[in-house]
């Protein structure tokens, strides 16, 4: 094993393979491996750049509003996907209201500090509320996926 000319022979020796493996593990730990599922088995899409509200069925990715159409035979999964869809829409509206209030607060901060601070606080409250609702969306989607898989298992046997 050779070391770089500027590194002493007694220090840490990194080979190109080791550095390449380290960079690859930092850049792409799990998202680069495609999720392989059994046919008809639904799973929550996971990875660094996903929010946990999408599902995968037979290689296709679905949001809760589209996943409702897949659940004709399972009423529990359909109801949970519907609830997740409604929560997503409402949290999107709340997050945008919070962003607008925060912008108004920042613009009003120079004119009237108390009014600007109040607007910014209300905006932060709306955005926090929307983030909590997104956590509920993830829980509903996970419960809907479990219900769908249970229904498919019962239909199979």
C-alpha atoms as a PDB file:
ATOM      1  CA  UNK A   1       0.000   0.000   0.000  1.00  0.00           C
ATOM      2  CA  UNK A   2       1.422   3.345  -1.004  1.00  0.00           C
ATOM      3  CA  UNK A   3       0.923   6.618   0.747  1.00  0.00           C
ATOM      4  CA  UNK A   4       0.690  10.022  -0.810  1.00  0.00           C
ATOM      5  CA  UNK A   5       4.075  11.756  -1.116  1.00  0.00           C
ATOM      6  CA  UNK A   6       3.091  14.537   1.288  1.00  0.00           C
ATOM      7  CA  UNK A   7       1.901  12.139   4.043  1.00  0.00           C
ATOM      8  CA  UNK A   8       4.409  10.510   6.357  1.00  0.00           C
ATOM      9  CA  UNK A   9       4.669   6.743   6.171  1.00  0.00           C
ATOM     10  CA  UNK A  10       3.804   6.361   9.848  1.00  0.00           C
ATOM     11  CA  UNK A  11       0.570   8.425   9.691  1.00  0.00           C
ATOM     12  CA  UNK A  12      -2.887   7.465   8.494  1.00  0.00           C
ATOM     13  CA  UNK A  13      -2.811   5.774   5.139  1.00  0.00           C
ATOM     14  CA  UNK A  14      -5.875   6.218   2.971  1.00  0.00           C
ATOM     15  CA  UNK A  15      -6.161   4.455  -0.299  1.00  0.00           C
ATOM     16  CA  UNK A  16      -8.296   5.629  -3.150  1.00  0.00           C
ATOM     17  CA  UNK A  17     -10.687   2.777  -2.486  1.00  0.00           C
ATOM     18  CA  UNK A  18     -11.141   3.748   1.159  1.00  0.00           C
ATOM     19  CA  UNK A  19     -11.759   7.415   0.348  1.00  0.00           C
ATOM     20  CA  UNK A  20     -14.142   6.460  -2.446  1.00  0.00           C
ATOM     21  CA  UNK A  21     -16.102   4.155  -0.141  1.00  0.00           C
ATOM     22  CA  UNK A  22     -16.249   6.849   2.534  1.00  0.00           C
ATOM     23  CA  UNK A  23     -17.546   9.477   0.104  1.00  0.00           C
ATOM     24  CA  UNK A  24     -20.072   7.029  -1.352  1.00  0.00           C
ATOM     25  CA  UNK A  25     -21.391   6.123   2.106  1.00  0.00           C
ATOM     26  CA  UNK A  26     -21.829   9.807   2.998  1.00  0.00           C
ATOM     27  CA  UNK A  27     -23.476  10.751  -0.279  1.00  0.00           C
ATOM     28  CA  UNK A  28     -25.689   7.735  -0.747  1.00  0.00           C
ATOM     29  CA  UNK A  29     -26.350   5.509   2.263  1.00  0.00           C
ATOM     30  CA  UNK A  30     -29.915   4.303   1.684  1.00  0.00           C
ATOM     31  CA  UNK A  31     -31.630   6.437  -0.969  1.00  0.00           C
ATOM     32  CA  UNK A  32     -29.487   5.048  -3.771  1.00  0.00           C
ATOM     33  CA  UNK A  33     -30.616   1.517  -3.179  1.00  0.00           C
ATOM     34  CA  UNK A  34     -33.950   1.057  -4.881  1.00  0.00           C
ATOM     35  CA  UNK A  35     -36.695  -0.271  -2.671  1.00  0.00           C
ATOM     36  CA  UNK A  36     -37.619  -3.732  -3.830  1.00  0.00           C
ATOM     37  CA  UNK A  37     -40.966  -4.975  -2.599  1.00  0.00           C
ATOM     38  CA  UNK A  38     -43.070  -8.018  -3.127  1.00  0.00           C
ATOM     39  CA  UNK A  39     -45.735  -7.582  -5.803  1.00  0.00           C
ATOM     40  CA  UNK A  40     -48.856  -6.085  -4.242  1.00  0.00           C
ATOM     41  CA  UNK A  41     -47.007  -5.023  -1.065  1.00  0.00           C
ATOM     42  CA  UNK A  42     -47.239  -1.319  -0.239  1.00  0.00           C
ATOM     43  CA  UNK A  43     -44.535   0.533   1.691  1.00  0.00           C
ATOM     44  CA  UNK A  44     -43.826   4.080   2.794  1.00  0.00           C
ATOM     45  CA  UNK A  45     -41.223   5.813   0.653  1.00  0.00           C
ATOM     46  CA  UNK A  46     -38.138   6.433   2.782  1.00  0.00           C
ATOM     47  CA  UNK A  47     -34.919   8.301   2.273  1.00  0.00           C
ATOM     48  CA  UNK A  48     -33.204  11.587   2.966  1.00  0.00           C
ATOM     49  CA  UNK A  49     -35.213  13.659   0.539  1.00  0.00           C
ATOM     50  CA  UNK A  50     -38.680  12.269   1.245  1.00  0.00           C
ATOM     51  CA  UNK A  51     -41.177  13.494   3.784  1.00  0.00           C
ATOM     52  CA  UNK A  52     -42.765  10.145   4.635  1.00  0.00           C
ATOM     53  CA  UNK A  53     -46.124  10.922   3.070  1.00  0.00           C
ATOM     54  CA  UNK A  54     -45.661   9.010  -0.187  1.00  0.00           C
ATOM     55  CA  UNK A  55     -46.114   5.289  -0.714  1.00  0.00           C
ATOM     56  CA  UNK A  56     -44.642   2.792  -3.166  1.00  0.00           C
ATOM     57  CA  UNK A  57     -46.687   0.035  -4.761  1.00  0.00           C
ATOM     58  CA  UNK A  58     -45.256  -2.149  -7.539  1.00  0.00           C
ATOM     59  CA  UNK A  59     -42.511   0.371  -8.292  1.00  0.00           C
ATOM     60  CA  UNK A  60     -44.864   3.360  -8.584  1.00  0.00           C
ATOM     61  CA  UNK A  61     -44.891   6.253  -6.125  1.00  0.00           C
ATOM     62  CA  UNK A  62     -48.234   7.610  -4.940  1.00  0.00           C
ATOM     63  CA  UNK A  63     -49.302  10.523  -2.763  1.00  0.00           C
ATOM     64  CA  UNK A  64     -52.216   9.936  -0.374  1.00  0.00           C
ATOM     65  CA  UNK A  65     -54.761  11.408  -2.806  1.00  0.00           C
ATOM     66  CA  UNK A  66     -53.749   8.925  -5.513  1.00  0.00           C
ATOM     67  CA  UNK A  67     -53.364   6.039  -3.058  1.00  0.00           C
ATOM     68  CA  UNK A  68     -57.071   6.353  -2.215  1.00  0.00           C
ATOM     69  CA  UNK A  69     -57.869   4.997  -5.686  1.00  0.00           C
ATOM     70  CA  UNK A  70     -55.816   1.864  -4.964  1.00  0.00           C
ATOM     71  CA  UNK A  71     -57.850   0.937  -1.879  1.00  0.00           C
ATOM     72  CA  UNK A  72     -61.195  -0.140  -3.318  1.00  0.00           C
ATOM     73  CA  UNK A  73     -61.312  -3.346  -1.272  1.00  0.00           C
ATOM     74  CA  UNK A  74     -59.933  -1.954   1.993  1.00  0.00           C
ATOM     75  CA  UNK A  75     -62.126   0.699   3.588  1.00  0.00           C
ATOM     76  CA  UNK A  76     -59.775   1.299   6.545  1.00  0.00           C
ATOM     77  CA  UNK A  77     -56.790   2.141   4.337  1.00  0.00           C
ATOM     78  CA  UNK A  78     -58.990   4.315   2.095  1.00  0.00           C
ATOM     79  CA  UNK A  79     -60.279   6.304   5.084  1.00  0.00           C
ATOM     80  CA  UNK A  80     -56.779   6.786   6.487  1.00  0.00           C
ATOM     81  CA  UNK A  81     -55.415   7.938   3.115  1.00  0.00           C
ATOM     82  CA  UNK A  82     -58.339  10.376   2.834  1.00  0.00           C
ATOM     83  CA  UNK A  83     -57.592  11.734   6.294  1.00  0.00           C
ATOM     84  CA  UNK A  84     -53.889  12.088   5.412  1.00  0.00           C
ATOM     85  CA  UNK A  85     -54.822  13.941   2.225  1.00  0.00           C
ATOM     86  CA  UNK A  86     -57.022  16.405   4.123  1.00  0.00           C
ATOM     87  CA  UNK A  87     -54.298  16.942   6.718  1.00  0.00           C
ATOM     88  CA  UNK A  88     -51.720  17.611   3.982  1.00  0.00           C
ATOM     89  CA  UNK A  89     -53.903  20.207   2.282  1.00  0.00           C
ATOM     90  CA  UNK A  90     -54.671  21.998   5.530  1.00  0.00           C
ATOM     91  CA  UNK A  91     -51.057  21.969   6.699  1.00  0.00           C
ATOM     92  CA  UNK A  92     -49.970  23.377   3.317  1.00  0.00           C
ATOM     93  CA  UNK A  93     -52.433  26.243   3.761  1.00  0.00           C
ATOM     94  CA  UNK A  94     -51.289  26.831   7.353  1.00  0.00           C
ATOM     95  CA  UNK A  95     -47.626  26.844   6.352  1.00  0.00           C
ATOM     96  CA  UNK A  96     -48.277  29.397   3.609  1.00  0.00           C
ATOM     97  CA  UNK A  97     -50.281  31.584   6.008  1.00  0.00           C
ATOM     98  CA  UNK A  98     -47.419  31.362   8.473  1.00  0.00           C
ATOM     99  CA  UNK A  99     -44.910  32.338   5.825  1.00  0.00           C
ATOM    100  CA  UNK A 100     -47.058  35.299   4.760  1.00  0.00           C
ATOM    101  CA  UNK A 101     -47.472  36.448   8.371  1.00  0.00           C
ATOM    102  CA  UNK A 102     -43.716  36.172   8.937  1.00  0.00           C
ATOM    103  CA  UNK A 103     -43.044  38.282   5.843  1.00  0.00           C
ATOM    104  CA  UNK A 104     -45.595  40.873   6.967  1.00  0.00           C
ATOM    105  CA  UNK A 105     -43.947  40.881  10.387  1.00  0.00           C
ATOM    106  CA  UNK A 106     -40.526  41.451   8.855  1.00  0.00           C
ATOM    107  CA  UNK A 107     -41.825  44.306   6.709  1.00  0.00           C
ATOM    108  CA  UNK A 108     -43.707  45.937   9.592  1.00  0.00           C
ATOM    109  CA  UNK A 109     -40.800  45.583  11.999  1.00  0.00           C
ATOM    110  CA  UNK A 110     -39.266  48.910  10.954  1.00  0.00           C
ATOM    111  CA  UNK A 111     -42.507  50.905  11.226  1.00  0.00           C
ATOM    112  CA  UNK A 112     -43.999  49.496  14.400  1.00  0.00           C
ATOM    113  CA  UNK A 113     -41.913  46.997  16.282  1.00  0.00           C
ATOM    114  CA  UNK A 114     -44.739  45.640  18.417  1.00  0.00           C
ATOM    115  CA  UNK A 115     -47.014  45.027  15.423  1.00  0.00           C
ATOM    116  CA  UNK A 116     -44.189  43.472  13.427  1.00  0.00           C
ATOM    117  CA  UNK A 117     -43.226  41.213  16.300  1.00  0.00           C
ATOM    118  CA  UNK A 118     -46.853  40.149  16.741  1.00  0.00           C
ATOM    119  CA  UNK A 119     -47.192  39.282  13.049  1.00  0.00           C
ATOM    120  CA  UNK A 120     -43.928  37.315  13.117  1.00  0.00           C
ATOM    121  CA  UNK A 121     -45.054  35.428  16.245  1.00  0.00           C
ATOM    122  CA  UNK A 122     -48.367  34.499  14.634  1.00  0.00           C
ATOM    123  CA  UNK A 123     -46.488  33.360  11.514  1.00  0.00           C
ATOM    124  CA  UNK A 124     -44.200  31.193  13.596  1.00  0.00           C
ATOM    125  CA  UNK A 125     -47.186  29.726  15.408  1.00  0.00           C
ATOM    126  CA  UNK A 126     -48.875  28.812  12.111  1.00  0.00           C
ATOM    127  CA  UNK A 127     -45.714  27.229  10.752  1.00  0.00           C
ATOM    128  CA  UNK A 128     -45.205  25.216  13.949  1.00  0.00           C
ATOM    129  CA  UNK A 129     -48.801  24.048  13.813  1.00  0.00           C
ATOM    130  CA  UNK A 130     -48.334  22.983  10.184  1.00  0.00           C
ATOM    131  CA  UNK A 131     -45.193  20.999  11.099  1.00  0.00           C
ATOM    132  CA  UNK A 132     -47.097  19.158  13.829  1.00  0.00           C
ATOM    133  CA  UNK A 133     -49.825  18.297  11.351  1.00  0.00           C
ATOM    134  CA  UNK A 134     -47.204  16.924   8.940  1.00  0.00           C
ATOM    135  CA  UNK A 135     -46.113  14.517  11.670  1.00  0.00           C
ATOM    136  CA  UNK A 136     -49.736  13.365  11.916  1.00  0.00           C
ATOM    137  CA  UNK A 137     -49.773  12.896   8.136  1.00  0.00           C
ATOM    138  CA  UNK A 138     -46.784  10.562   8.374  1.00  0.00           C
ATOM    139  CA  UNK A 139     -48.517   8.565  11.123  1.00  0.00           C
ATOM    140  CA  UNK A 140     -51.730   8.290   9.101  1.00  0.00           C
ATOM    141  CA  UNK A 141     -49.868   7.176   5.983  1.00  0.00           C
ATOM    142  CA  UNK A 142     -47.969   4.518   7.942  1.00  0.00           C
ATOM    143  CA  UNK A 143     -51.225   3.261   9.471  1.00  0.00           C
ATOM    144  CA  UNK A 144     -52.898   3.251   6.041  1.00  0.00           C
ATOM    145  CA  UNK A 145     -50.040   1.231   4.544  1.00  0.00           C
ATOM    146  CA  UNK A 146     -50.290  -1.299   7.376  1.00  0.00           C
ATOM    147  CA  UNK A 147     -54.067  -1.555   6.862  1.00  0.00           C
ATOM    148  CA  UNK A 148     -53.646  -1.992   3.094  1.00  0.00           C
ATOM    149  CA  UNK A 149     -51.081  -4.761   3.546  1.00  0.00           C
ATOM    150  CA  UNK A 150     -53.341  -6.512   6.082  1.00  0.00           C
ATOM    151  CA  UNK A 151     -56.251  -6.375   3.633  1.00  0.00           C
ATOM    152  CA  UNK A 152     -54.108  -7.745   0.813  1.00  0.00           C
ATOM    153  CA  UNK A 153     -52.871 -10.543   3.053  1.00  0.00           C
ATOM    154  CA  UNK A 154     -56.437 -11.483   3.997  1.00  0.00           C
ATOM    155  CA  UNK A 155     -57.554 -11.377   0.377  1.00  0.00           C
ATOM    156  CA  UNK A 156     -54.662 -13.629  -0.652  1.00  0.00           C
ATOM    157  CA  UNK A 157     -55.472 -16.333   1.858  1.00  0.00           C
END
